[in-house]
């Protein structure tokens, strides 16, 4: 299957189990693999025949406005649902990286959701 990848989209969202962790936005990196048949877009050079990755990125960047989550699992699930329902993907793989453990480069969750 063809795919579009948005790699390490930097966002600042309120996320974490303790209230004090959610008190201020923290840096996350979000990667999204979007599966869709891209042959018609490639043959026609027509944006309407593909998924507009800029629009997906803008939608995700705005997702955190006035919102908070306890778990990165919940955030990843919501992003996958948006990509499937709003953008017509056949499947979505979403990875959310969090930088909360000082001794680790990152902690991440990856979800795969088919249509």
Protein backbone atom coordinates (compact mmCIF):
# COMPACT_ATOMS: atom_id res chain seq x y z
CA UNK A 1 0.00 0.00 0.00
CA UNK A 2 1.16 3.52 -0.74
CA UNK A 3 1.72 5.88 2.17
CA UNK A 4 2.40 9.43 3.21
CA UNK A 5 4.58 10.02 6.27
CA UNK A 6 4.64 13.05 8.51
CA UNK A 7 7.74 12.58 10.66
CA UNK A 8 8.30 14.16 14.06
CA UNK A 9 5.71 16.92 13.94
CA UNK A 10 6.58 19.07 16.96
CA UNK A 11 3.64 20.06 19.16
CA UNK A 12 3.28 21.46 22.66
CA UNK A 13 0.30 19.85 24.39
CA UNK A 14 -0.87 19.50 27.98
CA UNK A 15 -0.45 15.82 28.73
CA UNK A 16 0.36 13.63 31.73
CA UNK A 17 -1.29 11.73 34.53
CA UNK A 18 -0.43 14.09 37.42
CA UNK A 19 -2.13 17.49 37.31
CA UNK A 20 1.22 19.24 37.80
CA UNK A 21 2.52 17.57 34.63
CA UNK A 22 -0.47 18.88 32.68
CA UNK A 23 -0.08 22.38 34.17
CA UNK A 24 1.95 23.58 31.19
CA UNK A 25 2.30 22.32 27.62
CA UNK A 26 5.16 19.95 26.97
CA UNK A 27 7.00 19.07 23.80
CA UNK A 28 5.87 15.98 21.91
CA UNK A 29 6.90 14.61 18.53
CA UNK A 30 4.16 13.01 16.47
CA UNK A 31 4.76 10.81 13.43
CA UNK A 32 1.91 9.66 11.22
CA UNK A 33 1.95 7.06 8.44
CA UNK A 34 -1.13 7.47 6.28
CA UNK A 35 -2.01 4.63 3.90
CA UNK A 36 -3.93 5.47 0.76
CA UNK A 37 -3.80 4.48 -2.90
CA UNK A 38 -1.72 7.27 -4.44
CA UNK A 39 -1.55 6.10 -8.06
CA UNK A 40 -4.29 8.48 -9.26
CA UNK A 41 -2.60 11.46 -7.61
CA UNK A 42 0.70 10.47 -9.16
CA UNK A 43 -0.82 10.03 -12.61
CA UNK A 44 -2.84 13.25 -12.55
CA UNK A 45 -0.68 15.56 -10.40
CA UNK A 46 -3.96 16.53 -8.69
CA UNK A 47 -4.05 17.32 -4.95
CA UNK A 48 -7.71 16.28 -4.71
CA UNK A 49 -6.68 12.68 -5.52
CA UNK A 50 -4.44 12.36 -2.46
CA UNK A 51 -4.37 13.33 1.21
CA UNK A 52 -3.19 16.88 1.82
CA UNK A 53 -0.41 16.32 4.36
CA UNK A 54 -0.22 20.06 5.10
CA UNK A 55 -3.90 20.04 6.08
CA UNK A 56 -3.33 16.96 8.28
CA UNK A 57 -0.40 18.64 10.04
CA UNK A 58 -2.39 21.85 10.62
CA UNK A 59 -5.31 19.85 12.04
CA UNK A 60 -3.00 18.06 14.49
CA UNK A 61 -1.24 21.28 15.50
CA UNK A 62 -4.60 22.83 16.42
CA UNK A 63 -5.80 19.71 18.25
CA UNK A 64 -4.14 20.72 21.52
CA UNK A 65 -5.76 24.15 21.77
CA UNK A 66 -7.71 24.21 25.03
CA UNK A 67 -7.32 20.44 25.46
CA UNK A 68 -5.45 18.06 27.69
CA UNK A 69 -4.91 14.31 27.91
CA UNK A 70 -3.61 12.05 30.65
CA UNK A 71 -2.19 9.36 28.36
CA UNK A 72 -0.22 9.53 25.13
CA UNK A 73 -2.20 6.42 24.16
CA UNK A 74 -5.40 8.49 24.17
CA UNK A 75 -3.80 11.22 22.07
CA UNK A 76 -2.47 8.70 19.53
CA UNK A 77 -5.91 7.08 19.28
CA UNK A 78 -7.59 10.44 18.67
CA UNK A 79 -5.11 11.38 15.96
CA UNK A 80 -5.59 8.05 14.19
CA UNK A 81 -9.36 8.53 14.26
CA UNK A 82 -9.03 12.02 12.76
CA UNK A 83 -6.79 10.80 9.93
CA UNK A 84 -9.20 7.98 9.10
CA UNK A 85 -12.50 9.84 9.39
CA UNK A 86 -11.62 13.35 8.28
CA UNK A 87 -8.98 12.67 5.64
CA UNK A 88 -10.06 9.37 4.10
CA UNK A 89 -7.01 7.27 4.92
CA UNK A 90 -7.21 3.50 4.50
CA UNK A 91 -5.18 3.07 7.69
CA UNK A 92 -3.10 5.16 10.05
CA UNK A 93 -0.04 4.48 12.16
CA UNK A 94 0.54 7.14 14.80
CA UNK A 95 3.56 7.42 17.06
CA UNK A 96 3.63 9.92 19.92
CA UNK A 97 7.00 10.59 21.59
CA UNK A 98 7.20 12.16 25.03
CA UNK A 99 10.34 13.41 26.79
CA UNK A 100 9.51 12.84 30.43
CA UNK A 101 12.10 10.35 31.73
CA UNK A 102 15.46 12.11 32.11
CA UNK A 103 17.44 8.89 31.64
CA UNK A 104 15.68 8.01 28.37
CA UNK A 105 15.82 9.75 25.02
CA UNK A 106 12.04 9.44 24.77
CA UNK A 107 9.05 7.30 25.61
CA UNK A 108 6.66 6.54 22.78
CA UNK A 109 3.41 4.84 21.96
CA UNK A 110 2.53 3.60 18.47
CA UNK A 111 -0.99 2.66 17.36
CA UNK A 112 -2.08 1.10 14.08
CA UNK A 113 -5.70 1.59 13.03
CA UNK A 114 -7.19 0.25 9.80
CA UNK A 115 -10.34 1.79 8.34
